[in-house]
Protein backbone atom coordinates (compact mmCIF):
# COMPACT_ATOMS: atom_id res chain seq x y z
CA MET A 1 2.82 7.33 18.74
CA PRO A 2 1.77 7.27 15.06
CA LYS A 3 3.17 3.78 14.44
CA ILE A 4 1.18 2.36 17.35
CA ASP A 5 -1.98 4.06 16.09
CA ARG A 6 -1.45 2.53 12.66
CA LEU A 7 -1.01 -0.98 14.00
CA SER A 8 -3.57 -1.05 16.75
CA GLY A 9 -6.65 -0.03 14.77
CA CYS A 10 -9.99 0.27 16.53
CA SER A 11 -9.90 -1.34 19.98
CA ASP A 12 -13.24 -0.18 21.37
CA TRP A 13 -14.08 -3.80 22.10
CA ILE A 14 -11.16 -4.14 24.53
CA ASP A 15 -11.91 -3.08 28.11
CA LEU A 16 -8.79 -2.52 30.20
CA CYS A 17 -10.64 -1.60 33.37
CA PHE A 18 -8.76 -4.38 35.18
CA VAL A 19 -5.52 -2.39 34.87
CA GLU A 20 -4.44 -0.91 38.19
CA ARG A 21 -0.92 0.16 37.34
CA GLU A 22 -0.15 1.40 33.85
CA ARG A 23 3.27 -0.18 33.61
CA THR A 24 2.61 -0.74 29.90
CA PRO A 25 1.02 1.96 27.70
CA ARG A 26 -2.60 1.03 27.12
CA GLN A 27 -2.23 1.24 23.36
CA LEU A 28 0.51 -1.37 23.51
CA MET A 29 -1.54 -3.61 25.78
CA GLU A 30 -4.39 -3.39 23.29
CA LEU A 31 -1.97 -4.11 20.46
CA GLY A 32 -0.63 -7.17 22.27
CA ILE A 33 -4.15 -8.50 22.83
CA ARG A 34 -5.11 -7.89 19.19
CA LEU A 35 -1.96 -9.54 17.82
CA HIS A 36 -2.32 -12.65 19.96
CA LEU A 37 -6.00 -13.11 19.13
CA ALA A 38 -5.22 -12.50 15.46
CA GLY A 39 -2.97 -15.55 15.47
CA LEU A 40 0.46 -14.62 16.80
CA SER A 41 1.93 -16.89 19.42
CA LEU A 42 2.67 -15.39 22.81
CA SER A 43 6.41 -15.44 22.00
CA ASN A 44 5.93 -13.62 18.69
CA THR A 45 3.59 -11.10 20.33
CA VAL A 46 6.27 -10.35 22.93
CA ARG A 47 8.80 -9.82 20.14
CA GLU A 48 6.47 -7.37 18.39
CA LEU A 49 6.07 -5.37 21.59
CA GLU A 50 9.83 -5.26 22.02
CA LYS A 51 10.01 -3.27 18.78
CA PHE A 52 8.34 -0.44 20.73
CA GLY A 53 10.82 -0.71 23.57
CA VAL A 54 8.44 -2.62 25.84
CA GLU A 55 9.70 -5.84 27.41
CA ARG A 56 6.96 -8.05 28.79
CA SER A 57 6.79 -11.76 29.48
CA ARG A 58 4.60 -14.27 27.67
CA LYS A 59 2.61 -14.61 30.90
CA ALA A 60 1.95 -10.86 30.95
CA VAL A 61 0.35 -10.97 27.49
CA TYR A 62 -1.52 -14.13 28.46
CA ASP A 63 -2.89 -12.35 31.55
CA TRP A 64 -3.98 -9.31 29.52
CA VAL A 65 -6.11 -11.48 27.26
CA HIS A 66 -7.78 -13.41 30.06
CA LYS A 67 -8.27 -10.55 32.51
CA CYS A 68 -10.18 -8.60 29.85
CA ASP A 69 -12.92 -11.23 30.16
CA LEU A 70 -14.04 -10.61 26.58
CA GLN A 71 -17.49 -11.97 25.72
CA PRO A 72 -19.39 -11.85 22.40
CA ALA A 73 -22.02 -9.12 22.24
CA VAL A 74 -25.65 -9.88 23.09
CA ASP A 75 -29.07 -8.90 21.70
CA GLU A 76 -28.47 -9.77 18.06
CA GLU A 77 -31.49 -10.75 15.92
CA PRO A 78 -30.30 -13.14 13.19
CA ASN A 79 -32.72 -14.78 10.75
CA HIS A 80 -30.64 -17.94 10.71
CA VAL A 81 -28.19 -19.50 13.16
CA ALA A 82 -25.64 -22.09 12.02
CA LEU A 83 -24.65 -24.59 14.71
CA ASP A 84 -21.48 -26.66 14.89
CA GLU A 85 -19.98 -29.22 17.25
CA THR A 86 -16.39 -30.38 16.97
CA VAL A 87 -13.85 -32.28 19.05
CA ILE A 88 -10.62 -30.59 20.13
CA GLN A 89 -7.64 -31.85 22.10
CA LEU A 90 -6.32 -30.32 25.32
CA ASP A 91 -3.25 -32.18 26.50
CA ASP A 92 -4.36 -35.83 26.62
CA HIS A 93 -8.09 -35.10 26.88
CA ARG A 94 -10.78 -34.52 24.30
CA TYR A 95 -13.34 -31.75 24.62
CA TRP A 96 -16.39 -30.75 22.60
CA LEU A 97 -16.56 -27.25 21.21
CA TYR A 98 -20.03 -25.85 20.49
CA THR A 99 -20.35 -22.78 18.27
CA ALA A 100 -23.27 -20.69 16.97
CA VAL A 101 -22.72 -18.32 14.03
CA ASP A 102 -24.93 -15.86 12.17
CA PRO A 103 -24.38 -16.92 8.52
CA GLU A 104 -25.40 -13.49 7.20
CA THR A 105 -22.75 -11.56 9.16
CA ASN A 106 -20.40 -14.43 10.12
CA ASN A 107 -20.50 -13.13 13.69
CA ILE A 108 -19.93 -15.72 16.39
CA LEU A 109 -23.00 -15.56 18.62
CA HIS A 110 -22.01 -18.03 21.31
CA ILE A 111 -19.15 -20.46 21.96
CA ARG A 112 -18.68 -23.01 24.74
CA LEU A 113 -16.33 -25.86 25.60
CA TYR A 114 -17.57 -29.05 27.30
CA SER A 115 -15.80 -32.14 28.64
CA THR A 116 -18.41 -34.39 27.03
CA THR A 117 -21.34 -34.15 24.64
CA THR A 118 -24.90 -34.99 25.64
CA THR A 119 -28.33 -33.81 24.65
CA ALA A 120 -28.70 -32.14 28.07
CA LEU A 121 -25.53 -30.09 27.53
CA THR A 122 -26.68 -29.21 24.03
CA GLU A 123 -29.97 -27.96 25.49
CA ARG A 124 -28.00 -25.87 27.98
CA PHE A 125 -25.97 -24.36 25.15
CA LEU A 126 -29.17 -23.51 23.25
CA ARG A 127 -30.76 -22.05 26.39
CA GLU A 128 -27.76 -19.75 26.95
CA LEU A 129 -27.81 -18.79 23.28
CA THR A 130 -31.52 -17.90 23.28
CA GLU A 131 -31.13 -15.95 26.53
CA LYS A 132 -28.38 -13.82 24.94
CA HIS A 133 -30.08 -13.10 21.62
CA ASP A 134 -33.54 -12.53 20.12
CA LEU A 135 -34.05 -15.82 18.26
CA ASP A 136 -37.83 -16.13 18.31
CA ASP A 137 -38.02 -16.00 14.50
CA ALA A 138 -34.67 -17.63 13.73
CA VAL A 139 -34.21 -20.90 11.87
CA PHE A 140 -31.32 -23.04 13.12
CA LEU A 141 -29.12 -24.71 10.51
CA VAL A 142 -27.62 -28.09 11.43
CA ASP A 143 -25.44 -30.46 9.43
CA GLY A 144 -26.63 -33.77 10.84
CA ALA A 145 -25.46 -33.70 14.47
CA LYS A 146 -28.08 -35.73 16.31
CA ASN A 147 -27.61 -33.96 19.65
CA PHE A 148 -28.45 -30.63 18.06
CA GLN A 149 -31.52 -31.96 16.28
CA THR A 150 -32.88 -33.64 19.40
CA ALA A 151 -32.13 -30.62 21.64
CA LEU A 152 -33.67 -28.18 19.14
CA ARG A 153 -36.79 -30.31 18.88
CA ARG A 154 -37.10 -30.53 22.68
CA SER A 155 -36.58 -26.78 23.00
CA GLY A 156 -39.31 -26.04 20.46
CA LEU A 157 -36.91 -24.25 18.12
CA ARG A 158 -37.21 -24.33 14.33
CA PHE A 159 -34.39 -25.99 12.46
CA GLN A 160 -33.47 -27.48 9.13
CA TYR A 161 -30.77 -29.79 7.89
CA GLU A 162 -28.45 -27.84 5.61
CA LYS A 163 -24.99 -28.97 4.56
CA HIS A 164 -24.34 -26.10 2.17
CA GLY A 165 -26.46 -23.05 1.20
CA ASN A 166 -26.68 -20.61 4.10
CA ARG A 167 -24.09 -22.64 6.02
CA ASN A 168 -21.33 -22.08 3.44
CA SER A 169 -20.01 -18.80 4.83
CA SER A 170 -20.33 -20.08 8.42
CA GLU A 171 -18.29 -23.16 7.55
CA ARG A 172 -15.31 -20.88 6.91
CA VAL A 173 -15.69 -19.50 10.44
CA PHE A 174 -15.94 -23.01 11.88
CA ARG A 175 -12.82 -24.09 9.95
CA GLU A 176 -10.87 -21.08 11.25
CA ILE A 177 -11.86 -21.88 14.84
CA LYS A 178 -10.77 -25.49 14.34
CA ARG A 179 -7.46 -24.33 12.83
CA ARG A 180 -6.82 -22.12 15.87
CA THR A 181 -7.63 -24.87 18.34
CA SER A 182 -5.26 -27.30 16.62
CA SER A 183 -2.39 -25.46 18.36
CA PHE A 184 -3.94 -25.64 21.84
CA SER A 185 -1.44 -28.32 22.85
CA ASN A 186 1.24 -25.62 22.60
CA CYS A 187 -0.80 -22.65 23.88
CA PHE A 188 -2.59 -24.37 26.75
CA SER A 189 -0.32 -27.12 27.98
CA HIS A 190 -1.52 -28.17 31.46
CA ALA A 191 -4.12 -25.38 31.40
CA GLN A 192 -7.64 -25.70 32.71
CA PRO A 193 -10.43 -26.09 30.11
CA SER A 194 -11.90 -22.84 31.43
CA THR A 195 -8.70 -21.08 30.27
CA ALA A 196 -9.13 -22.42 26.75
CA GLU A 197 -12.79 -21.43 26.76
CA SER A 198 -11.89 -17.93 27.93
CA TRP A 199 -9.44 -17.60 25.02
CA LEU A 200 -12.06 -18.86 22.56
CA GLN A 201 -14.59 -16.30 23.79
CA ALA A 202 -11.97 -13.56 23.46
CA PHE A 203 -11.19 -14.80 19.97
CA ALA A 204 -14.91 -14.57 19.12
CA VAL A 205 -14.95 -10.90 20.19
CA TRP A 206 -11.86 -10.16 18.07
CA HIS A 207 -13.36 -12.03 15.13
CA ASN A 208 -16.66 -10.14 15.34
CA ALA A 209 -14.87 -6.79 15.63
CA THR A 210 -12.64 -7.42 12.61
CA ASN A 211 -15.03 -9.52 10.53
């Protein structure tokens, strides 16, 4: 399948161990996952798969993405970590999206979605982040968010206020994440927040693999 090979690229980061029956060729499942995470809607992803003679529902593609349980890699050792907090909308409710990015590689290190924002939740986010990566010598870059500054101080982590400089490249990553989440009302209507968070974590894996 030379055309599939050309489109699918490297998919080492996709684990299809959840597949019990290979009703769809694995290369096409991987392609569907890649296309959706790259920005195609579920409907457009289905249409792309139909070009290969495979007819699958939007729910099938949706299930592929979420059953993969994609999580950003661990054990990175960045010198700096840029932190961001933003509000996104899911149906009629607002949620807070926390993101940590290595500004030197633009890799997303950790991403979580919370129903509210408090210093305690920010400390939990930082604790998970430091458990996943070697950040003993890292300096955290914040843009003025008080919760981050207070939580970093309480956690004994080094940080500095930086609006530009090392944060510049990371800001592009943050903007792309915000752009993607602006369409959540269409992608995740009546979905649980955990579903949106699962998609965001899968997006982070795709982003890091193609960055």
